[in-house]
C-alpha atoms as a PDB file:
ATOM      1  CA  MET A   1      -2.101  -1.093 -19.211  1.00  0.00           C
ATOM      2  CA  PHE A   2       0.639  -3.519 -18.288  1.00  0.00           C
ATOM      3  CA  GLU A   3       1.089  -7.180 -19.140  1.00  0.00           C
ATOM      4  CA  ARG A   4       2.256  -8.003 -15.615  1.00  0.00           C
ATOM      5  CA  PRO A   5       2.011  -6.400 -12.157  1.00  0.00           C
ATOM      6  CA  ALA A   6       3.856  -3.110 -11.784  1.00  0.00           C
ATOM      7  CA  ASP A   7       4.007  -0.109  -9.470  1.00  0.00           C
ATOM      8  CA  LEU A   8       3.199   3.186 -11.163  1.00  0.00           C
ATOM      9  CA  HIS A   9       5.686   5.858 -10.030  1.00  0.00           C
ATOM     10  CA  TRP A  10       4.050   9.195 -10.737  1.00  0.00           C
ATOM     11  CA  GLY A  11       3.917  12.868  -9.912  1.00  0.00           C
ATOM     12  CA  VAL A  12       2.254  16.040 -11.124  1.00  0.00           C
ATOM     13  CA  ASP A  13       3.454  19.314 -12.626  1.00  0.00           C
ATOM     14  CA  GLY A  14       7.102  18.383 -13.040  1.00  0.00           C
ATOM     15  CA  TRP A  15       7.364  15.370 -10.709  1.00  0.00           C
ATOM     16  CA  ARG A  16       5.880  17.109  -7.649  1.00  0.00           C
ATOM     17  CA  HIS A  17       4.008  15.115  -5.006  1.00  0.00           C
ATOM     18  CA  VAL A  18       5.521  11.808  -6.199  1.00  0.00           C
ATOM     19  CA  ARG A  19       3.671   8.614  -5.294  1.00  0.00           C
ATOM     20  CA  ASP A  20       3.925   4.906  -5.993  1.00  0.00           C
ATOM     21  CA  THR A  21       0.613   3.235  -6.799  1.00  0.00           C
ATOM     22  CA  PRO A  22       0.399  -0.545  -7.314  1.00  0.00           C
ATOM     23  CA  CYS A  23      -1.362  -1.836 -10.425  1.00  0.00           C
ATOM     24  CA  HIS A  24      -4.304  -4.205 -10.124  1.00  0.00           C
ATOM     25  CA  ALA A  25      -5.655  -6.897 -12.433  1.00  0.00           C
ATOM     26  CA  LEU A  26      -8.258  -5.441 -14.797  1.00  0.00           C
ATOM     27  CA  GLY A  27      -9.590  -8.802 -15.906  1.00  0.00           C
ATOM     28  CA  LEU A  28      -8.651 -10.985 -18.876  1.00  0.00           C
ATOM     29  CA  GLY A  29      -4.938 -10.402 -18.352  1.00  0.00           C
ATOM     30  CA  PRO A  30      -3.916  -6.722 -18.268  1.00  0.00           C
ATOM     31  CA  TYR A  31      -3.032  -4.689 -15.182  1.00  0.00           C
ATOM     32  CA  GLY A  32      -3.624  -1.000 -14.646  1.00  0.00           C
ATOM     33  CA  VAL A  33      -4.017   1.919 -12.257  1.00  0.00           C
ATOM     34  CA  ARG A  34      -7.060   4.124 -11.913  1.00  0.00           C
ATOM     35  CA  LEU A  35      -6.344   7.698 -10.829  1.00  0.00           C
ATOM     36  CA  VAL A  36      -9.260   9.668  -9.458  1.00  0.00           C
ATOM     37  CA  ALA A  37     -10.033  13.219 -10.546  1.00  0.00           C
ATOM     38  CA  SER A  38      -9.076  14.648  -7.156  1.00  0.00           C
ATOM     39  CA  ASP A  39      -5.502  13.328  -7.654  1.00  0.00           C
ATOM     40  CA  THR A  40      -5.058  15.586 -10.674  1.00  0.00           C
ATOM     41  CA  ALA A  41      -7.451  18.470  -9.948  1.00  0.00           C
ATOM     42  CA  ARG A  42      -5.995  21.883 -10.787  1.00  0.00           C
ATOM     43  CA  ARG A  43      -2.872  20.261 -12.251  1.00  0.00           C
ATOM     44  CA  ARG A  44      -1.327  20.805 -15.684  1.00  0.00           C
ATOM     45  CA  SER A  45       0.421  17.473 -16.224  1.00  0.00           C
ATOM     46  CA  VAL A  46       1.098  13.998 -14.879  1.00  0.00           C
ATOM     47  CA  GLN A  47       4.559  12.424 -15.210  1.00  0.00           C
ATOM     48  CA  PHE A  48       5.025   8.698 -14.750  1.00  0.00           C
ATOM     49  CA  THR A  49       7.151   5.614 -15.156  1.00  0.00           C
ATOM     50  CA  TRP A  50       6.890   2.160 -13.594  1.00  0.00           C
ATOM     51  CA  ARG A  51       8.743  -0.625 -11.845  1.00  0.00           C
ATOM     52  CA  TRP A  52       7.848  -4.279 -12.415  1.00  0.00           C
ATOM     53  CA  GLN A  53       6.801  -5.962  -9.181  1.00  0.00           C
ATOM     54  CA  ASP A  54       8.256  -9.386 -10.042  1.00  0.00           C
ATOM     55  CA  ASP A  55      11.865  -8.387 -10.761  1.00  0.00           C
ATOM     56  CA  GLY A  56      12.145  -4.757  -9.563  1.00  0.00           C
ATOM     57  CA  GLN A  57      13.272  -3.478 -12.984  1.00  0.00           C
ATOM     58  CA  TRP A  58      12.341   0.072 -13.956  1.00  0.00           C
ATOM     59  CA  SER A  59      10.949   1.196 -17.298  1.00  0.00           C
ATOM     60  CA  ASP A  60      13.665   2.899 -19.319  1.00  0.00           C
ATOM     61  CA  LYS A  61      11.470   5.953 -20.065  1.00  0.00           C
ATOM     62  CA  ASP A  62       9.516   8.699 -18.347  1.00  0.00           C
ATOM     63  CA  PHE A  63       6.135   9.714 -19.794  1.00  0.00           C
ATOM     64  CA  GLN A  64       3.961  12.797 -19.519  1.00  0.00           C
ATOM     65  CA  ILE A  65       0.273  13.468 -20.025  1.00  0.00           C
ATOM     66  CA  ARG A  66      -0.920  17.066 -20.263  1.00  0.00           C
ATOM     67  CA  ILE A  67      -4.228  17.843 -18.593  1.00  0.00           C
ATOM     68  CA  ALA A  68      -6.606  20.217 -20.346  1.00  0.00           C
ATOM     69  CA  ALA A  69      -8.912  22.384 -18.294  1.00  0.00           C
ATOM     70  CA  ALA A  70     -12.582  21.545 -18.674  1.00  0.00           C
END
């Protein structure tokens, strides 16, 4: 979740298929992005960072989430 509007810059399996997805208000203040299962189906990981919408500044880090097979 983010404290202000941002664009999630993300890809899968080593930054493949990169996309930018805008965050939306979740209610009571925070912002977030909801990825659907089909976006990550048959993938091993999601990499992401973000850019703030109000000033265009990027996060100073990249993050990764590993996806476990069900």
